[in-house]
């Protein structure tokens, strides 16, 4: 989860973006 989509995000980036997409 921390390293998901490394071609797009740096560590924890996808976690944060996905949380924003689901909740905000």
PDBML (XML) file of the C-alpha atoms, coordinates in Angstrom:
<?xml version="1.0" encoding="UTF-8" ?>
<PDBx:datablock datablockName="MODEL"
   xmlns:PDBx="http://pdbml.pdb.org/schema/pdbx-v50.xsd"
   xmlns:xsi="http://www.w3.org/2001/XMLSchema-instance"
   xsi:schemaLocation="http://pdbml.pdb.org/schema/pdbx-v50.xsd pdbx-v50.xsd">
   <PDBx:atom_siteCategory>
      <PDBx:atom_site id="1">
         <PDBx:B_iso_or_equiv>0.00</PDBx:B_iso_or_equiv>
         <PDBx:Cartn_x>0.000</PDBx:Cartn_x>
         <PDBx:Cartn_y>0.000</PDBx:Cartn_y>
         <PDBx:Cartn_z>0.000</PDBx:Cartn_z>
         <PDBx:auth_asym_id>A</PDBx:auth_asym_id>
         <PDBx:auth_atom_id>CA</PDBx:auth_atom_id>
         <PDBx:auth_comp_id>UNK</PDBx:auth_comp_id>
         <PDBx:auth_seq_id>1</PDBx:auth_seq_id>
         <PDBx:group_PDB>ATOM</PDBx:group_PDB>
         <PDBx:label_alt_id xsi:nil="true" />
         <PDBx:label_asym_id>A</PDBx:label_asym_id>
         <PDBx:label_atom_id>CA</PDBx:label_atom_id>
         <PDBx:label_comp_id>UNK</PDBx:label_comp_id>
         <PDBx:label_entity_id>1</PDBx:label_entity_id>
         <PDBx:label_seq_id>1</PDBx:label_seq_id>
         <PDBx:occupancy>1.00</PDBx:occupancy>
         <PDBx:pdbx_PDB_model_num>1</PDBx:pdbx_PDB_model_num>
         <PDBx:type_symbol>C</PDBx:type_symbol>
      </PDBx:atom_site>
      <PDBx:atom_site id="2">
         <PDBx:B_iso_or_equiv>0.00</PDBx:B_iso_or_equiv>
         <PDBx:Cartn_x>2.825</PDBx:Cartn_x>
         <PDBx:Cartn_y>2.387</PDBx:Cartn_y>
         <PDBx:Cartn_z>0.893</PDBx:Cartn_z>
         <PDBx:auth_asym_id>A</PDBx:auth_asym_id>
         <PDBx:auth_atom_id>CA</PDBx:auth_atom_id>
         <PDBx:auth_comp_id>UNK</PDBx:auth_comp_id>
         <PDBx:auth_seq_id>2</PDBx:auth_seq_id>
         <PDBx:group_PDB>ATOM</PDBx:group_PDB>
         <PDBx:label_alt_id xsi:nil="true" />
         <PDBx:label_asym_id>A</PDBx:label_asym_id>
         <PDBx:label_atom_id>CA</PDBx:label_atom_id>
         <PDBx:label_comp_id>UNK</PDBx:label_comp_id>
         <PDBx:label_entity_id>1</PDBx:label_entity_id>
         <PDBx:label_seq_id>2</PDBx:label_seq_id>
         <PDBx:occupancy>1.00</PDBx:occupancy>
         <PDBx:pdbx_PDB_model_num>1</PDBx:pdbx_PDB_model_num>
         <PDBx:type_symbol>C</PDBx:type_symbol>
      </PDBx:atom_site>
      <PDBx:atom_site id="3">
         <PDBx:B_iso_or_equiv>0.00</PDBx:B_iso_or_equiv>
         <PDBx:Cartn_x>4.653</PDBx:Cartn_x>
         <PDBx:Cartn_y>1.691</PDBx:Cartn_y>
         <PDBx:Cartn_z>-2.366</PDBx:Cartn_z>
         <PDBx:auth_asym_id>A</PDBx:auth_asym_id>
         <PDBx:auth_atom_id>CA</PDBx:auth_atom_id>
         <PDBx:auth_comp_id>UNK</PDBx:auth_comp_id>
         <PDBx:auth_seq_id>3</PDBx:auth_seq_id>
         <PDBx:group_PDB>ATOM</PDBx:group_PDB>
         <PDBx:label_alt_id xsi:nil="true" />
         <PDBx:label_asym_id>A</PDBx:label_asym_id>
         <PDBx:label_atom_id>CA</PDBx:label_atom_id>
         <PDBx:label_comp_id>UNK</PDBx:label_comp_id>
         <PDBx:label_entity_id>1</PDBx:label_entity_id>
         <PDBx:label_seq_id>3</PDBx:label_seq_id>
         <PDBx:occupancy>1.00</PDBx:occupancy>
         <PDBx:pdbx_PDB_model_num>1</PDBx:pdbx_PDB_model_num>
         <PDBx:type_symbol>C</PDBx:type_symbol>
      </PDBx:atom_site>
      <PDBx:atom_site id="4">
         <PDBx:B_iso_or_equiv>0.00</PDBx:B_iso_or_equiv>
         <PDBx:Cartn_x>1.676</PDBx:Cartn_x>
         <PDBx:Cartn_y>1.286</PDBx:Cartn_y>
         <PDBx:Cartn_z>-4.663</PDBx:Cartn_z>
         <PDBx:auth_asym_id>A</PDBx:auth_asym_id>
         <PDBx:auth_atom_id>CA</PDBx:auth_atom_id>
         <PDBx:auth_comp_id>UNK</PDBx:auth_comp_id>
         <PDBx:auth_seq_id>4</PDBx:auth_seq_id>
         <PDBx:group_PDB>ATOM</PDBx:group_PDB>
         <PDBx:label_alt_id xsi:nil="true" />
         <PDBx:label_asym_id>A</PDBx:label_asym_id>
         <PDBx:label_atom_id>CA</PDBx:label_atom_id>
         <PDBx:label_comp_id>UNK</PDBx:label_comp_id>
         <PDBx:label_entity_id>1</PDBx:label_entity_id>
         <PDBx:label_seq_id>4</PDBx:label_seq_id>
         <PDBx:occupancy>1.00</PDBx:occupancy>
         <PDBx:pdbx_PDB_model_num>1</PDBx:pdbx_PDB_model_num>
         <PDBx:type_symbol>C</PDBx:type_symbol>
      </PDBx:atom_site>
      <PDBx:atom_site id="5">
         <PDBx:B_iso_or_equiv>0.00</PDBx:B_iso_or_equiv>
         <PDBx:Cartn_x>1.975</PDBx:Cartn_x>
         <PDBx:Cartn_y>2.697</PDBx:Cartn_y>
         <PDBx:Cartn_z>-8.199</PDBx:Cartn_z>
         <PDBx:auth_asym_id>A</PDBx:auth_asym_id>
         <PDBx:auth_atom_id>CA</PDBx:auth_atom_id>
         <PDBx:auth_comp_id>UNK</PDBx:auth_comp_id>
         <PDBx:auth_seq_id>5</PDBx:auth_seq_id>
         <PDBx:group_PDB>ATOM</PDBx:group_PDB>
         <PDBx:label_alt_id xsi:nil="true" />
         <PDBx:label_asym_id>A</PDBx:label_asym_id>
         <PDBx:label_atom_id>CA</PDBx:label_atom_id>
         <PDBx:label_comp_id>UNK</PDBx:label_comp_id>
         <PDBx:label_entity_id>1</PDBx:label_entity_id>
         <PDBx:label_seq_id>5</PDBx:label_seq_id>
         <PDBx:occupancy>1.00</PDBx:occupancy>
         <PDBx:pdbx_PDB_model_num>1</PDBx:pdbx_PDB_model_num>
         <PDBx:type_symbol>C</PDBx:type_symbol>
      </PDBx:atom_site>
      <PDBx:atom_site id="6">
         <PDBx:B_iso_or_equiv>0.00</PDBx:B_iso_or_equiv>
         <PDBx:Cartn_x>5.648</PDBx:Cartn_x>
         <PDBx:Cartn_y>3.694</PDBx:Cartn_y>
         <PDBx:Cartn_z>-7.893</PDBx:Cartn_z>
         <PDBx:auth_asym_id>A</PDBx:auth_asym_id>
         <PDBx:auth_atom_id>CA</PDBx:auth_atom_id>
         <PDBx:auth_comp_id>UNK</PDBx:auth_comp_id>
         <PDBx:auth_seq_id>6</PDBx:auth_seq_id>
         <PDBx:group_PDB>ATOM</PDBx:group_PDB>
         <PDBx:label_alt_id xsi:nil="true" />
         <PDBx:label_asym_id>A</PDBx:label_asym_id>
         <PDBx:label_atom_id>CA</PDBx:label_atom_id>
         <PDBx:label_comp_id>UNK</PDBx:label_comp_id>
         <PDBx:label_entity_id>1</PDBx:label_entity_id>
         <PDBx:label_seq_id>6</PDBx:label_seq_id>
         <PDBx:occupancy>1.00</PDBx:occupancy>
         <PDBx:pdbx_PDB_model_num>1</PDBx:pdbx_PDB_model_num>
         <PDBx:type_symbol>C</PDBx:type_symbol>
      </PDBx:atom_site>
      <PDBx:atom_site id="7">
         <PDBx:B_iso_or_equiv>0.00</PDBx:B_iso_or_equiv>
         <PDBx:Cartn_x>5.634</PDBx:Cartn_x>
         <PDBx:Cartn_y>5.061</PDBx:Cartn_y>
         <PDBx:Cartn_z>-11.461</PDBx:Cartn_z>
         <PDBx:auth_asym_id>A</PDBx:auth_asym_id>
         <PDBx:auth_atom_id>CA</PDBx:auth_atom_id>
         <PDBx:auth_comp_id>UNK</PDBx:auth_comp_id>
         <PDBx:auth_seq_id>7</PDBx:auth_seq_id>
         <PDBx:group_PDB>ATOM</PDBx:group_PDB>
         <PDBx:label_alt_id xsi:nil="true" />
         <PDBx:label_asym_id>A</PDBx:label_asym_id>
         <PDBx:label_atom_id>CA</PDBx:label_atom_id>
         <PDBx:label_comp_id>UNK</PDBx:label_comp_id>
         <PDBx:label_entity_id>1</PDBx:label_entity_id>
         <PDBx:label_seq_id>7</PDBx:label_seq_id>
         <PDBx:occupancy>1.00</PDBx:occupancy>
         <PDBx:pdbx_PDB_model_num>1</PDBx:pdbx_PDB_model_num>
         <PDBx:type_symbol>C</PDBx:type_symbol>
      </PDBx:atom_site>
      <PDBx:atom_site id="8">
         <PDBx:B_iso_or_equiv>0.00</PDBx:B_iso_or_equiv>
         <PDBx:Cartn_x>3.101</PDBx:Cartn_x>
         <PDBx:Cartn_y>7.684</PDBx:Cartn_y>
         <PDBx:Cartn_z>-10.337</PDBx:Cartn_z>
         <PDBx:auth_asym_id>A</PDBx:auth_asym_id>
         <PDBx:auth_atom_id>CA</PDBx:auth_atom_id>
         <PDBx:auth_comp_id>UNK</PDBx:auth_comp_id>
         <PDBx:auth_seq_id>8</PDBx:auth_seq_id>
         <PDBx:group_PDB>ATOM</PDBx:group_PDB>
         <PDBx:label_alt_id xsi:nil="true" />
         <PDBx:label_asym_id>A</PDBx:label_asym_id>
         <PDBx:label_atom_id>CA</PDBx:label_atom_id>
         <PDBx:label_comp_id>UNK</PDBx:label_comp_id>
         <PDBx:label_entity_id>1</PDBx:label_entity_id>
         <PDBx:label_seq_id>8</PDBx:label_seq_id>
         <PDBx:occupancy>1.00</PDBx:occupancy>
         <PDBx:pdbx_PDB_model_num>1</PDBx:pdbx_PDB_model_num>
         <PDBx:type_symbol>C</PDBx:type_symbol>
      </PDBx:atom_site>
      <PDBx:atom_site id="9">
         <PDBx:B_iso_or_equiv>0.00</PDBx:B_iso_or_equiv>
         <PDBx:Cartn_x>3.627</PDBx:Cartn_x>
         <PDBx:Cartn_y>8.226</PDBx:Cartn_y>
         <PDBx:Cartn_z>-6.620</PDBx:Cartn_z>
         <PDBx:auth_asym_id>A</PDBx:auth_asym_id>
         <PDBx:auth_atom_id>CA</PDBx:auth_atom_id>
         <PDBx:auth_comp_id>UNK</PDBx:auth_comp_id>
         <PDBx:auth_seq_id>9</PDBx:auth_seq_id>
         <PDBx:group_PDB>ATOM</PDBx:group_PDB>
         <PDBx:label_alt_id xsi:nil="true" />
         <PDBx:label_asym_id>A</PDBx:label_asym_id>
         <PDBx:label_atom_id>CA</PDBx:label_atom_id>
         <PDBx:label_comp_id>UNK</PDBx:label_comp_id>
         <PDBx:label_entity_id>1</PDBx:label_entity_id>
         <PDBx:label_seq_id>9</PDBx:label_seq_id>
         <PDBx:occupancy>1.00</PDBx:occupancy>
         <PDBx:pdbx_PDB_model_num>1</PDBx:pdbx_PDB_model_num>
         <PDBx:type_symbol>C</PDBx:type_symbol>
      </PDBx:atom_site>
      <PDBx:atom_site id="10">
         <PDBx:B_iso_or_equiv>0.00</PDBx:B_iso_or_equiv>
         <PDBx:Cartn_x>6.378</PDBx:Cartn_x>
         <PDBx:Cartn_y>8.330</PDBx:Cartn_y>
         <PDBx:Cartn_z>-4.082</PDBx:Cartn_z>
         <PDBx:auth_asym_id>A</PDBx:auth_asym_id>
         <PDBx:auth_atom_id>CA</PDBx:auth_atom_id>
         <PDBx:auth_comp_id>UNK</PDBx:auth_comp_id>
         <PDBx:auth_seq_id>10</PDBx:auth_seq_id>
         <PDBx:group_PDB>ATOM</PDBx:group_PDB>
         <PDBx:label_alt_id xsi:nil="true" />
         <PDBx:label_asym_id>A</PDBx:label_asym_id>
         <PDBx:label_atom_id>CA</PDBx:label_atom_id>
         <PDBx:label_comp_id>UNK</PDBx:label_comp_id>
         <PDBx:label_entity_id>1</PDBx:label_entity_id>
         <PDBx:label_seq_id>10</PDBx:label_seq_id>
         <PDBx:occupancy>1.00</PDBx:occupancy>
         <PDBx:pdbx_PDB_model_num>1</PDBx:pdbx_PDB_model_num>
         <PDBx:type_symbol>C</PDBx:type_symbol>
      </PDBx:atom_site>
      <PDBx:atom_site id="11">
         <PDBx:B_iso_or_equiv>0.00</PDBx:B_iso_or_equiv>
         <PDBx:Cartn_x>5.910</PDBx:Cartn_x>
         <PDBx:Cartn_y>6.227</PDBx:Cartn_y>
         <PDBx:Cartn_z>-0.895</PDBx:Cartn_z>
         <PDBx:auth_asym_id>A</PDBx:auth_asym_id>
         <PDBx:auth_atom_id>CA</PDBx:auth_atom_id>
         <PDBx:auth_comp_id>UNK</PDBx:auth_comp_id>
         <PDBx:auth_seq_id>11</PDBx:auth_seq_id>
         <PDBx:group_PDB>ATOM</PDBx:group_PDB>
         <PDBx:label_alt_id xsi:nil="true" />
         <PDBx:label_asym_id>A</PDBx:label_asym_id>
         <PDBx:label_atom_id>CA</PDBx:label_atom_id>
         <PDBx:label_comp_id>UNK</PDBx:label_comp_id>
         <PDBx:label_entity_id>1</PDBx:label_entity_id>
         <PDBx:label_seq_id>11</PDBx:label_seq_id>
         <PDBx:occupancy>1.00</PDBx:occupancy>
         <PDBx:pdbx_PDB_model_num>1</PDBx:pdbx_PDB_model_num>
         <PDBx:type_symbol>C</PDBx:type_symbol>
      </PDBx:atom_site>
      <PDBx:atom_site id="12">
         <PDBx:B_iso_or_equiv>0.00</PDBx:B_iso_or_equiv>
         <PDBx:Cartn_x>2.542</PDBx:Cartn_x>
         <PDBx:Cartn_y>6.881</PDBx:Cartn_y>
         <PDBx:Cartn_z>0.755</PDBx:Cartn_z>
         <PDBx:auth_asym_id>A</PDBx:auth_asym_id>
         <PDBx:auth_atom_id>CA</PDBx:auth_atom_id>
         <PDBx:auth_comp_id>UNK</PDBx:auth_comp_id>
         <PDBx:auth_seq_id>12</PDBx:auth_seq_id>
         <PDBx:group_PDB>ATOM</PDBx:group_PDB>
         <PDBx:label_alt_id xsi:nil="true" />
         <PDBx:label_asym_id>A</PDBx:label_asym_id>
         <PDBx:label_atom_id>CA</PDBx:label_atom_id>
         <PDBx:label_comp_id>UNK</PDBx:label_comp_id>
         <PDBx:label_entity_id>1</PDBx:label_entity_id>
         <PDBx:label_seq_id>12</PDBx:label_seq_id>
         <PDBx:occupancy>1.00</PDBx:occupancy>
         <PDBx:pdbx_PDB_model_num>1</PDBx:pdbx_PDB_model_num>
         <PDBx:type_symbol>C</PDBx:type_symbol>
      </PDBx:atom_site>
      <PDBx:atom_site id="13">
         <PDBx:B_iso_or_equiv>0.00</PDBx:B_iso_or_equiv>
         <PDBx:Cartn_x>1.446</PDBx:Cartn_x>
         <PDBx:Cartn_y>9.013</PDBx:Cartn_y>
         <PDBx:Cartn_z>-2.171</PDBx:Cartn_z>
         <PDBx:auth_asym_id>A</PDBx:auth_asym_id>
         <PDBx:auth_atom_id>CA</PDBx:auth_atom_id>
         <PDBx:auth_comp_id>UNK</PDBx:auth_comp_id>
         <PDBx:auth_seq_id>13</PDBx:auth_seq_id>
         <PDBx:group_PDB>ATOM</PDBx:group_PDB>
         <PDBx:label_alt_id xsi:nil="true" />
         <PDBx:label_asym_id>A</PDBx:label_asym_id>
         <PDBx:label_atom_id>CA</PDBx:label_atom_id>
         <PDBx:label_comp_id>UNK</PDBx:label_comp_id>
         <PDBx:label_entity_id>1</PDBx:label_entity_id>
         <PDBx:label_seq_id>13</PDBx:label_seq_id>
         <PDBx:occupancy>1.00</PDBx:occupancy>
         <PDBx:pdbx_PDB_model_num>1</PDBx:pdbx_PDB_model_num>
         <PDBx:type_symbol>C</PDBx:type_symbol>
      </PDBx:atom_site>
      <PDBx:atom_site id="14">
         <PDBx:B_iso_or_equiv>0.00</PDBx:B_iso_or_equiv>
         <PDBx:Cartn_x>-1.197</PDBx:Cartn_x>
         <PDBx:Cartn_y>6.606</PDBx:Cartn_y>
         <PDBx:Cartn_z>-3.442</PDBx:Cartn_z>
         <PDBx:auth_asym_id>A</PDBx:auth_asym_id>
         <PDBx:auth_atom_id>CA</PDBx:auth_atom_id>
         <PDBx:auth_comp_id>UNK</PDBx:auth_comp_id>
         <PDBx:auth_seq_id>14</PDBx:auth_seq_id>
         <PDBx:group_PDB>ATOM</PDBx:group_PDB>
         <PDBx:label_alt_id xsi:nil="true" />
         <PDBx:label_asym_id>A</PDBx:label_asym_id>
         <PDBx:label_atom_id>CA</PDBx:label_atom_id>
         <PDBx:label_comp_id>UNK</PDBx:label_comp_id>
         <PDBx:label_entity_id>1</PDBx:label_entity_id>
         <PDBx:label_seq_id>14</PDBx:label_seq_id>
         <PDBx:occupancy>1.00</PDBx:occupancy>
         <PDBx:pdbx_PDB_model_num>1</PDBx:pdbx_PDB_model_num>
         <PDBx:type_symbol>C</PDBx:type_symbol>
      </PDBx:atom_site>
      <PDBx:atom_site id="15">
         <PDBx:B_iso_or_equiv>0.00</PDBx:B_iso_or_equiv>
         <PDBx:Cartn_x>-2.502</PDBx:Cartn_x>
         <PDBx:Cartn_y>6.007</PDBx:Cartn_y>
         <PDBx:Cartn_z>0.089</PDBx:Cartn_z>
         <PDBx:auth_asym_id>A</PDBx:auth_asym_id>
         <PDBx:auth_atom_id>CA</PDBx:auth_atom_id>
         <PDBx:auth_comp_id>UNK</PDBx:auth_comp_id>
         <PDBx:auth_seq_id>15</PDBx:auth_seq_id>
         <PDBx:group_PDB>ATOM</PDBx:group_PDB>
         <PDBx:label_alt_id xsi:nil="true" />
         <PDBx:label_asym_id>A</PDBx:label_asym_id>
         <PDBx:label_atom_id>CA</PDBx:label_atom_id>
         <PDBx:label_comp_id>UNK</PDBx:label_comp_id>
         <PDBx:label_entity_id>1</PDBx:label_entity_id>
         <PDBx:label_seq_id>15</PDBx:label_seq_id>
         <PDBx:occupancy>1.00</PDBx:occupancy>
         <PDBx:pdbx_PDB_model_num>1</PDBx:pdbx_PDB_model_num>
         <PDBx:type_symbol>C</PDBx:type_symbol>
      </PDBx:atom_site>
      <PDBx:atom_site id="16">
         <PDBx:B_iso_or_equiv>0.00</PDBx:B_iso_or_equiv>
         <PDBx:Cartn_x>-3.111</PDBx:Cartn_x>
         <PDBx:Cartn_y>9.719</PDBx:Cartn_y>
         <PDBx:Cartn_z>0.498</PDBx:Cartn_z>
         <PDBx:auth_asym_id>A</PDBx:auth_asym_id>
         <PDBx:auth_atom_id>CA</PDBx:auth_atom_id>
         <PDBx:auth_comp_id>UNK</PDBx:auth_comp_id>
         <PDBx:auth_seq_id>16</PDBx:auth_seq_id>
         <PDBx:group_PDB>ATOM</PDBx:group_PDB>
         <PDBx:label_alt_id xsi:nil="true" />
         <PDBx:label_asym_id>A</PDBx:label_asym_id>
         <PDBx:label_atom_id>CA</PDBx:label_atom_id>
         <PDBx:label_comp_id>UNK</PDBx:label_comp_id>
         <PDBx:label_entity_id>1</PDBx:label_entity_id>
         <PDBx:label_seq_id>16</PDBx:label_seq_id>
         <PDBx:occupancy>1.00</PDBx:occupancy>
         <PDBx:pdbx_PDB_model_num>1</PDBx:pdbx_PDB_model_num>
         <PDBx:type_symbol>C</PDBx:type_symbol>
      </PDBx:atom_site>
      <PDBx:atom_site id="17">
         <PDBx:B_iso_or_equiv>0.00</PDBx:B_iso_or_equiv>
         <PDBx:Cartn_x>-4.555</PDBx:Cartn_x>
         <PDBx:Cartn_y>10.299</PDBx:Cartn_y>
         <PDBx:Cartn_z>-2.961</PDBx:Cartn_z>
         <PDBx:auth_asym_id>A</PDBx:auth_asym_id>
         <PDBx:auth_atom_id>CA</PDBx:auth_atom_id>
         <PDBx:auth_comp_id>UNK</PDBx:auth_comp_id>
         <PDBx:auth_seq_id>17</PDBx:auth_seq_id>
         <PDBx:group_PDB>ATOM</PDBx:group_PDB>
         <PDBx:label_alt_id xsi:nil="true" />
         <PDBx:label_asym_id>A</PDBx:label_asym_id>
         <PDBx:label_atom_id>CA</PDBx:label_atom_id>
         <PDBx:label_comp_id>UNK</PDBx:label_comp_id>
         <PDBx:label_entity_id>1</PDBx:label_entity_id>
         <PDBx:label_seq_id>17</PDBx:label_seq_id>
         <PDBx:occupancy>1.00</PDBx:occupancy>
         <PDBx:pdbx_PDB_model_num>1</PDBx:pdbx_PDB_model_num>
         <PDBx:type_symbol>C</PDBx:type_symbol>
      </PDBx:atom_site>
      <PDBx:atom_site id="18">
         <PDBx:B_iso_or_equiv>0.00</PDBx:B_iso_or_equiv>
         <PDBx:Cartn_x>-6.870</PDBx:Cartn_x>
         <PDBx:Cartn_y>7.284</PDBx:Cartn_y>
         <PDBx:Cartn_z>-2.757</PDBx:Cartn_z>
         <PDBx:auth_asym_id>A</PDBx:auth_asym_id>
         <PDBx:auth_atom_id>CA</PDBx:auth_atom_id>
         <PDBx:auth_comp_id>UNK</PDBx:auth_comp_id>
         <PDBx:auth_seq_id>18</PDBx:auth_seq_id>
         <PDBx:group_PDB>ATOM</PDBx:group_PDB>
         <PDBx:label_alt_id xsi:nil="true" />
         <PDBx:label_asym_id>A</PDBx:label_asym_id>
         <PDBx:label_atom_id>CA</PDBx:label_atom_id>
         <PDBx:label_comp_id>UNK</PDBx:label_comp_id>
         <PDBx:label_entity_id>1</PDBx:label_entity_id>
         <PDBx:label_seq_id>18</PDBx:label_seq_id>
         <PDBx:occupancy>1.00</PDBx:occupancy>
         <PDBx:pdbx_PDB_model_num>1</PDBx:pdbx_PDB_model_num>
         <PDBx:type_symbol>C</PDBx:type_symbol>
      </PDBx:atom_site>
      <PDBx:atom_site id="19">
         <PDBx:B_iso_or_equiv>0.00</PDBx:B_iso_or_equiv>
         <PDBx:Cartn_x>-8.101</PDBx:Cartn_x>
         <PDBx:Cartn_y>8.382</PDBx:Cartn_y>
         <PDBx:Cartn_z>0.675</PDBx:Cartn_z>
         <PDBx:auth_asym_id>A</PDBx:auth_asym_id>
         <PDBx:auth_atom_id>CA</PDBx:auth_atom_id>
         <PDBx:auth_comp_id>UNK</PDBx:auth_comp_id>
         <PDBx:auth_seq_id>19</PDBx:auth_seq_id>
         <PDBx:group_PDB>ATOM</PDBx:group_PDB>
         <PDBx:label_alt_id xsi:nil="true" />
         <PDBx:label_asym_id>A</PDBx:label_asym_id>
         <PDBx:label_atom_id>CA</PDBx:label_atom_id>
         <PDBx:label_comp_id>UNK</PDBx:label_comp_id>
         <PDBx:label_entity_id>1</PDBx:label_entity_id>
         <PDBx:label_seq_id>19</PDBx:label_seq_id>
         <PDBx:occupancy>1.00</PDBx:occupancy>
         <PDBx:pdbx_PDB_model_num>1</PDBx:pdbx_PDB_model_num>
         <PDBx:type_symbol>C</PDBx:type_symbol>
      </PDBx:atom_site>
      <PDBx:atom_site id="20">
         <PDBx:B_iso_or_equiv>0.00</PDBx:B_iso_or_equiv>
         <PDBx:Cartn_x>-8.863</PDBx:Cartn_x>
         <PDBx:Cartn_y>11.823</PDBx:Cartn_y>
         <PDBx:Cartn_z>-0.747</PDBx:Cartn_z>
         <PDBx:auth_asym_id>A</PDBx:auth_asym_id>
         <PDBx:auth_atom_id>CA</PDBx:auth_atom_id>
         <PDBx:auth_comp_id>UNK</PDBx:auth_comp_id>
         <PDBx:auth_seq_id>20</PDBx:auth_seq_id>
         <PDBx:group_PDB>ATOM</PDBx:group_PDB>
         <PDBx:label_alt_id xsi:nil="true" />
         <PDBx:label_asym_id>A</PDBx:label_asym_id>
         <PDBx:label_atom_id>CA</PDBx:label_atom_id>
         <PDBx:label_comp_id>UNK</PDBx:label_comp_id>
         <PDBx:label_entity_id>1</PDBx:label_entity_id>
         <PDBx:label_seq_id>20</PDBx:label_seq_id>
         <PDBx:occupancy>1.00</PDBx:occupancy>
         <PDBx:pdbx_PDB_model_num>1</PDBx:pdbx_PDB_model_num>
         <PDBx:type_symbol>C</PDBx:type_symbol>
      </PDBx:atom_site>
      <PDBx:atom_site id="21">
         <PDBx:B_iso_or_equiv>0.00</PDBx:B_iso_or_equiv>
         <PDBx:Cartn_x>-10.705</PDBx:Cartn_x>
         <PDBx:Cartn_y>10.302</PDBx:Cartn_y>
         <PDBx:Cartn_z>-3.698</PDBx:Cartn_z>
         <PDBx:auth_asym_id>A</PDBx:auth_asym_id>
         <PDBx:auth_atom_id>CA</PDBx:auth_atom_id>
         <PDBx:auth_comp_id>UNK</PDBx:auth_comp_id>
         <PDBx:auth_seq_id>21</PDBx:auth_seq_id>
         <PDBx:group_PDB>ATOM</PDBx:group_PDB>
         <PDBx:label_alt_id xsi:nil="true" />
         <PDBx:label_asym_id>A</PDBx:label_asym_id>
         <PDBx:label_atom_id>CA</PDBx:label_atom_id>
         <PDBx:label_comp_id>UNK</PDBx:label_comp_id>
         <PDBx:label_entity_id>1</PDBx:label_entity_id>
         <PDBx:label_seq_id>21</PDBx:label_seq_id>
         <PDBx:occupancy>1.00</PDBx:occupancy>
         <PDBx:pdbx_PDB_model_num>1</PDBx:pdbx_PDB_model_num>
         <PDBx:type_symbol>C</PDBx:type_symbol>
      </PDBx:atom_site>
      <PDBx:atom_site id="22">
         <PDBx:B_iso_or_equiv>0.00</PDBx:B_iso_or_equiv>
         <PDBx:Cartn_x>-12.841</PDBx:Cartn_x>
         <PDBx:Cartn_y>8.109</PDBx:Cartn_y>
         <PDBx:Cartn_z>-1.440</PDBx:Cartn_z>
         <PDBx:auth_asym_id>A</PDBx:auth_asym_id>
         <PDBx:auth_atom_id>CA</PDBx:auth_atom_id>
         <PDBx:auth_comp_id>UNK</PDBx:auth_comp_id>
         <PDBx:auth_seq_id>22</PDBx:auth_seq_id>
         <PDBx:group_PDB>ATOM</PDBx:group_PDB>
         <PDBx:label_alt_id xsi:nil="true" />
         <PDBx:label_asym_id>A</PDBx:label_asym_id>
         <PDBx:label_atom_id>CA</PDBx:label_atom_id>
         <PDBx:label_comp_id>UNK</PDBx:label_comp_id>
         <PDBx:label_entity_id>1</PDBx:label_entity_id>
         <PDBx:label_seq_id>22</PDBx:label_seq_id>
         <PDBx:occupancy>1.00</PDBx:occupancy>
         <PDBx:pdbx_PDB_model_num>1</PDBx:pdbx_PDB_model_num>
         <PDBx:type_symbol>C</PDBx:type_symbol>
      </PDBx:atom_site>
      <PDBx:atom_site id="23">
         <PDBx:B_iso_or_equiv>0.00</PDBx:B_iso_or_equiv>
         <PDBx:Cartn_x>-13.593</PDBx:Cartn_x>
         <PDBx:Cartn_y>10.660</PDBx:Cartn_y>
         <PDBx:Cartn_z>1.263</PDBx:Cartn_z>
         <PDBx:auth_asym_id>A</PDBx:auth_asym_id>
         <PDBx:auth_atom_id>CA</PDBx:auth_atom_id>
         <PDBx:auth_comp_id>UNK</PDBx:auth_comp_id>
         <PDBx:auth_seq_id>23</PDBx:auth_seq_id>
         <PDBx:group_PDB>ATOM</PDBx:group_PDB>
         <PDBx:label_alt_id xsi:nil="true" />
         <PDBx:label_asym_id>A</PDBx:label_asym_id>
         <PDBx:label_atom_id>CA</PDBx:label_atom_id>
         <PDBx:label_comp_id>UNK</PDBx:label_comp_id>
         <PDBx:label_entity_id>1</PDBx:label_entity_id>
         <PDBx:label_seq_id>23</PDBx:label_seq_id>
         <PDBx:occupancy>1.00</PDBx:occupancy>
         <PDBx:pdbx_PDB_model_num>1</PDBx:pdbx_PDB_model_num>
         <PDBx:type_symbol>C</PDBx:type_symbol>
      </PDBx:atom_site>
      <PDBx:atom_site id="24">
         <PDBx:B_iso_or_equiv>0.00</PDBx:B_iso_or_equiv>
         <PDBx:Cartn_x>-13.182</PDBx:Cartn_x>
         <PDBx:Cartn_y>14.196</PDBx:Cartn_y>
         <PDBx:Cartn_z>-0.064</PDBx:Cartn_z>
         <PDBx:auth_asym_id>A</PDBx:auth_asym_id>
         <PDBx:auth_atom_id>CA</PDBx:auth_atom_id>
         <PDBx:auth_comp_id>UNK</PDBx:auth_comp_id>
         <PDBx:auth_seq_id>24</PDBx:auth_seq_id>
         <PDBx:group_PDB>ATOM</PDBx:group_PDB>
         <PDBx:label_alt_id xsi:nil="true" />
         <PDBx:label_asym_id>A</PDBx:label_asym_id>
         <PDBx:label_atom_id>CA</PDBx:label_atom_id>
         <PDBx:label_comp_id>UNK</PDBx:label_comp_id>
         <PDBx:label_entity_id>1</PDBx:label_entity_id>
         <PDBx:label_seq_id>24</PDBx:label_seq_id>
         <PDBx:occupancy>1.00</PDBx:occupancy>
         <PDBx:pdbx_PDB_model_num>1</PDBx:pdbx_PDB_model_num>
         <PDBx:type_symbol>C</PDBx:type_symbol>
      </PDBx:atom_site>
   </PDBx:atom_siteCategory>
</PDBx:datablock>
